[in-house]
N, C-alpha and C. Protein backbone atom coordinates (compact mmCIF):
# COMPACT_ATOMS: atom_id res chain seq x y z
N UNK A 1 14.50 -65.68 -24.91
CA UNK A 1 15.22 -65.55 -24.10
C UNK A 1 14.48 -66.42 -22.65
N UNK A 2 15.83 -67.13 -22.18
CA UNK A 2 15.59 -68.29 -21.13
C UNK A 2 15.86 -67.60 -20.11
N UNK A 3 14.86 -67.72 -18.98
CA UNK A 3 15.19 -67.73 -17.46
C UNK A 3 16.95 -68.80 -16.58
N UNK A 4 17.60 -68.09 -16.57
CA UNK A 4 18.19 -69.13 -15.42
C UNK A 4 17.80 -69.79 -14.55
N UNK A 5 18.41 -71.31 -14.21
CA UNK A 5 17.64 -71.57 -13.10
C UNK A 5 18.43 -71.18 -11.91
N UNK A 6 17.87 -71.37 -11.01
CA UNK A 6 18.53 -70.34 -9.47
C UNK A 6 19.93 -71.13 -9.16
N UNK A 7 20.33 -72.56 -9.76
CA UNK A 7 21.63 -73.23 -9.35
C UNK A 7 22.78 -72.43 -10.45
N UNK A 8 22.21 -71.86 -11.46
CA UNK A 8 23.40 -70.94 -12.90
C UNK A 8 23.08 -69.43 -12.19
N UNK A 9 22.42 -68.96 -11.32
CA UNK A 9 22.89 -68.03 -11.28
C UNK A 9 24.08 -67.46 -10.33
N UNK A 10 25.11 -66.76 -10.26
CA UNK A 10 25.76 -66.44 -9.78
C UNK A 10 25.93 -65.79 -8.06
N UNK A 11 25.92 -65.97 -6.94
CA UNK A 11 25.43 -65.72 -5.80
C UNK A 11 27.24 -65.10 -5.24
N UNK A 12 27.09 -63.82 -4.75
CA UNK A 12 27.62 -62.74 -4.38
C UNK A 12 27.33 -61.89 -3.18
N UNK A 13 27.58 -62.26 -2.22
CA UNK A 13 27.03 -62.12 -1.00
C UNK A 13 27.23 -60.29 -1.26
N UNK A 14 26.46 -59.65 0.11
CA UNK A 14 26.56 -58.36 0.54
C UNK A 14 27.56 -58.20 1.84
N UNK A 15 28.62 -57.19 1.67
CA UNK A 15 29.01 -57.16 2.89
C UNK A 15 28.95 -56.19 3.39
N UNK A 16 28.68 -55.94 4.58
CA UNK A 16 28.33 -53.94 5.59
C UNK A 16 29.49 -53.88 6.32
N UNK A 17 29.66 -52.58 6.49
CA UNK A 17 30.50 -51.93 7.21
C UNK A 17 30.04 -52.51 8.71
N UNK A 18 30.82 -52.81 9.67
CA UNK A 18 30.68 -53.37 11.00
C UNK A 18 29.51 -52.18 11.90
N UNK A 19 28.60 -52.83 12.27
CA UNK A 19 27.63 -51.88 12.88
C UNK A 19 26.61 -51.37 12.29
N UNK A 20 26.30 -50.88 10.94
CA UNK A 20 26.13 -50.34 10.33
C UNK A 20 25.38 -50.98 9.05
N UNK A 21 24.44 -50.46 8.23
CA UNK A 21 23.39 -50.92 6.89
C UNK A 21 24.08 -50.16 5.79
N UNK A 22 25.27 -50.00 6.09
CA UNK A 22 25.92 -48.97 4.95
C UNK A 22 27.42 -50.60 4.02
N UNK A 23 26.29 -50.54 2.85
CA UNK A 23 27.02 -51.55 2.16
C UNK A 23 28.95 -50.94 2.29
N UNK A 24 29.54 -52.15 1.88
CA UNK A 24 31.12 -52.19 2.12
C UNK A 24 31.66 -52.94 0.77
N UNK A 25 32.08 -52.29 -0.04
CA UNK A 25 32.38 -52.71 -1.68
C UNK A 25 33.72 -53.23 -1.82
N UNK A 26 34.36 -54.10 -2.85
CA UNK A 26 35.88 -54.26 -2.96
C UNK A 26 35.69 -54.35 -4.65
N UNK A 27 37.04 -53.46 -4.92
CA UNK A 27 37.51 -53.43 -6.23
C UNK A 27 36.44 -52.34 -6.84
N UNK A 28 35.67 -50.80 -6.53
CA UNK A 28 34.78 -50.44 -7.27
C UNK A 28 35.77 -49.07 -7.98
N UNK A 29 35.30 -49.28 -9.46
CA UNK A 29 35.70 -48.01 -10.24
C UNK A 29 35.67 -46.96 -9.38
N UNK A 30 36.74 -45.85 -9.81
CA UNK A 30 36.02 -44.52 -8.86
C UNK A 30 36.14 -43.96 -10.38
N UNK A 31 36.28 -44.29 -11.46
CA UNK A 31 36.38 -43.23 -12.26
C UNK A 31 35.03 -42.79 -12.53
N UNK A 32 33.99 -43.31 -12.13
CA UNK A 32 32.94 -42.76 -12.19
C UNK A 32 32.27 -41.96 -11.12
N UNK A 33 33.07 -41.52 -10.19
CA UNK A 33 33.08 -40.65 -9.15
C UNK A 33 33.77 -39.46 -9.24
N UNK A 34 34.47 -39.34 -10.24
CA UNK A 34 35.12 -38.11 -10.06
C UNK A 34 34.67 -37.36 -11.29
N UNK A 35 35.10 -36.18 -11.10
CA UNK A 35 34.50 -35.20 -12.83
C UNK A 35 34.90 -35.76 -13.84
N UNK A 36 36.73 -35.86 -13.35
CA UNK A 36 37.09 -36.07 -14.84
C UNK A 36 37.17 -37.11 -15.64
N UNK A 37 36.39 -38.54 -14.41
CA UNK A 37 36.28 -39.84 -15.38
C UNK A 37 37.20 -40.48 -15.32
N UNK A 38 38.18 -40.21 -14.61
CA UNK A 38 39.05 -41.32 -14.69
C UNK A 38 39.58 -42.03 -13.36
N UNK A 39 40.22 -43.17 -13.26
CA UNK A 39 40.61 -43.84 -12.09
C UNK A 39 40.00 -45.19 -11.79
N UNK A 40 41.69 -45.62 -10.77
CA UNK A 40 40.98 -47.16 -10.69
C UNK A 40 40.10 -47.87 -9.64
N UNK A 41 40.67 -48.72 -9.74
CA UNK A 41 39.44 -49.30 -8.39
C UNK A 41 39.83 -48.77 -7.10
N UNK A 42 38.76 -48.51 -6.07
CA UNK A 42 39.39 -48.40 -4.71
C UNK A 42 39.15 -50.07 -4.17
N UNK A 43 40.45 -50.08 -3.25
CA UNK A 43 40.72 -51.32 -2.58
C UNK A 43 38.92 -51.71 -1.90
N UNK A 44 38.74 -50.69 -1.21
CA UNK A 44 37.83 -50.95 -0.90
C UNK A 44 36.80 -49.45 -0.66
N UNK A 45 35.46 -49.42 -0.67
CA UNK A 45 34.91 -48.35 -0.81
C UNK A 45 33.64 -48.51 -0.55
N UNK A 46 32.90 -47.62 0.65
CA UNK A 46 32.21 -47.33 1.32
C UNK A 46 31.10 -46.12 1.18
N UNK A 47 29.96 -45.64 1.32
CA UNK A 47 29.29 -44.38 1.10
C UNK A 47 28.78 -44.25 2.25
N UNK A 48 29.18 -43.59 3.32
CA UNK A 48 28.75 -42.97 4.53
C UNK A 48 27.62 -42.45 4.18
N UNK A 49 25.91 -42.89 4.98
CA UNK A 49 25.08 -42.07 5.14
C UNK A 49 24.65 -40.93 6.05
N UNK A 50 25.40 -41.36 7.20
CA UNK A 50 25.50 -40.49 8.45
C UNK A 50 26.71 -40.13 9.11
N UNK A 51 26.83 -39.62 10.22
CA UNK A 51 27.54 -39.13 10.68
C UNK A 51 28.20 -40.39 11.80
N UNK A 52 27.10 -41.20 12.31
CA UNK A 52 27.20 -42.59 12.67
C UNK A 52 28.43 -43.77 11.41
N UNK A 53 27.82 -43.16 10.51
CA UNK A 53 28.41 -44.24 9.47
C UNK A 53 30.36 -43.95 9.11
N UNK A 54 29.89 -42.60 9.25
CA UNK A 54 31.40 -42.22 9.58
C UNK A 54 32.70 -42.30 10.01
N UNK A 55 31.69 -42.21 11.20
CA UNK A 55 32.48 -43.00 12.81
C UNK A 55 32.99 -44.45 12.69
N UNK A 56 32.06 -45.18 11.89
CA UNK A 56 32.73 -47.15 12.17
C UNK A 56 33.56 -47.09 10.75
N UNK A 57 33.12 -45.86 9.69
CA UNK A 57 34.75 -46.50 8.72
C UNK A 57 35.79 -46.17 9.39
N UNK A 58 36.00 -44.76 10.18
CA UNK A 58 37.47 -44.63 10.85
C UNK A 58 37.47 -45.90 11.37
N UNK A 59 36.56 -46.61 12.46
CA UNK A 59 37.13 -47.39 13.31
C UNK A 59 37.46 -48.67 12.63
N UNK A 60 36.32 -48.99 11.45
CA UNK A 60 36.92 -50.22 11.24
C UNK A 60 38.34 -49.75 10.27
N UNK A 61 39.05 -48.58 9.47
CA UNK A 61 39.94 -48.71 8.93
C UNK A 61 41.25 -48.74 9.96
N UNK A 62 41.16 -48.23 11.37
CA UNK A 62 41.88 -48.36 12.45
C UNK A 62 42.29 -49.97 12.43
N UNK A 63 40.85 -50.56 13.28
CA UNK A 63 40.94 -51.82 13.80
C UNK A 63 42.00 -52.81 12.29
N UNK A 64 41.42 -52.13 11.03
CA UNK A 64 42.27 -53.46 9.89
C UNK A 64 43.89 -52.50 9.88
N UNK A 65 43.61 -51.38 10.33
CA UNK A 65 45.11 -50.94 9.85
C UNK A 65 45.59 -50.71 8.29
N UNK A 66 44.55 -50.00 7.76
CA UNK A 66 43.87 -49.73 6.71
C UNK A 66 44.37 -47.79 6.41
N UNK A 67 44.53 -47.56 4.88
CA UNK A 67 44.72 -46.31 5.11
C UNK A 67 43.49 -45.77 4.56
N UNK A 68 43.14 -44.75 4.85
CA UNK A 68 41.81 -44.15 4.16
C UNK A 68 41.67 -42.86 3.59
N UNK A 69 41.25 -42.73 2.22
CA UNK A 69 41.12 -41.67 1.82
C UNK A 69 39.43 -40.99 1.80
N UNK A 70 39.02 -39.53 1.97
CA UNK A 70 38.33 -39.32 1.58
C UNK A 70 38.03 -38.71 0.26
N UNK A 71 36.86 -39.09 -0.40
CA UNK A 71 36.75 -38.74 -1.47
C UNK A 71 36.16 -37.16 -1.92
N UNK A 72 34.98 -37.13 -1.07
CA UNK A 72 34.16 -35.74 -1.04
C UNK A 72 33.30 -35.80 -2.05
N UNK A 73 33.11 -34.61 -3.11
CA UNK A 73 32.28 -35.03 -3.92
C UNK A 73 33.02 -35.00 -5.43
N UNK A 74 34.44 -35.46 -5.57
CA UNK A 74 35.40 -35.74 -6.78
C UNK A 74 35.86 -35.09 -7.63
N UNK A 75 35.01 -33.60 -7.23
CA UNK A 75 35.42 -32.60 -8.73
C UNK A 75 36.77 -32.38 -8.42
N UNK A 76 37.59 -31.94 -9.46
CA UNK A 76 38.90 -31.70 -10.18
C UNK A 76 39.61 -32.34 -9.01
N UNK A 77 39.71 -33.74 -9.42
CA UNK A 77 40.21 -34.92 -8.27
C UNK A 77 40.79 -35.63 -9.58
N UNK A 78 42.28 -36.19 -9.67
CA UNK A 78 42.62 -37.20 -10.27
C UNK A 78 43.16 -38.29 -9.43
N UNK A 79 42.68 -39.66 -10.12
CA UNK A 79 43.35 -40.90 -9.08
C UNK A 79 44.28 -41.84 -10.53
N UNK A 80 44.76 -42.41 -9.86
CA UNK A 80 45.74 -42.87 -10.77
C UNK A 80 44.86 -44.35 -10.84
N UNK A 81 45.31 -44.55 -12.35
CA UNK A 81 44.83 -45.65 -12.89
C UNK A 81 44.64 -47.27 -12.17
N UNK A 82 45.71 -46.78 -11.49
CA UNK A 82 45.95 -48.04 -10.28
C UNK A 82 45.29 -48.12 -9.46
N UNK A 83 44.51 -47.05 -8.70
CA UNK A 83 43.18 -47.21 -7.90
C UNK A 83 43.62 -46.95 -6.81
N UNK A 84 43.10 -46.88 -5.44
CA UNK A 84 43.69 -46.27 -3.94
C UNK A 84 43.83 -47.53 -3.05
N UNK A 85 44.57 -47.78 -2.47
CA UNK A 85 44.48 -48.98 -1.20
C UNK A 85 43.56 -48.51 -0.33
N UNK A 86 43.42 -49.68 0.60
CA UNK A 86 42.60 -48.99 1.36
C UNK A 86 41.59 -48.28 1.58
N UNK A 87 40.49 -47.95 2.04
CA UNK A 87 39.14 -47.54 2.06
C UNK A 87 39.14 -46.39 1.61
N UNK A 88 37.97 -46.11 0.58
CA UNK A 88 37.53 -45.12 -0.17
C UNK A 88 36.46 -44.27 0.42
């Protein structure tokens, strides 16, 4: 097994919700986050770790004029295979 050279490793920058250390990810599959294990991708996904992170989420979607879906624990939730627009 060979180790890839540094210039062969794909670089994927990490985005963060503005004003937080909370990672902001795009096109995250929601299937693994629901009890039925079905569902397409979230356009944007964030898992707030604090009340401040949640507040920053609300501010970001309002500024971007995006819809927001609160997922909760994902129990008994069916999400379309087309996914969800905006921030989840």
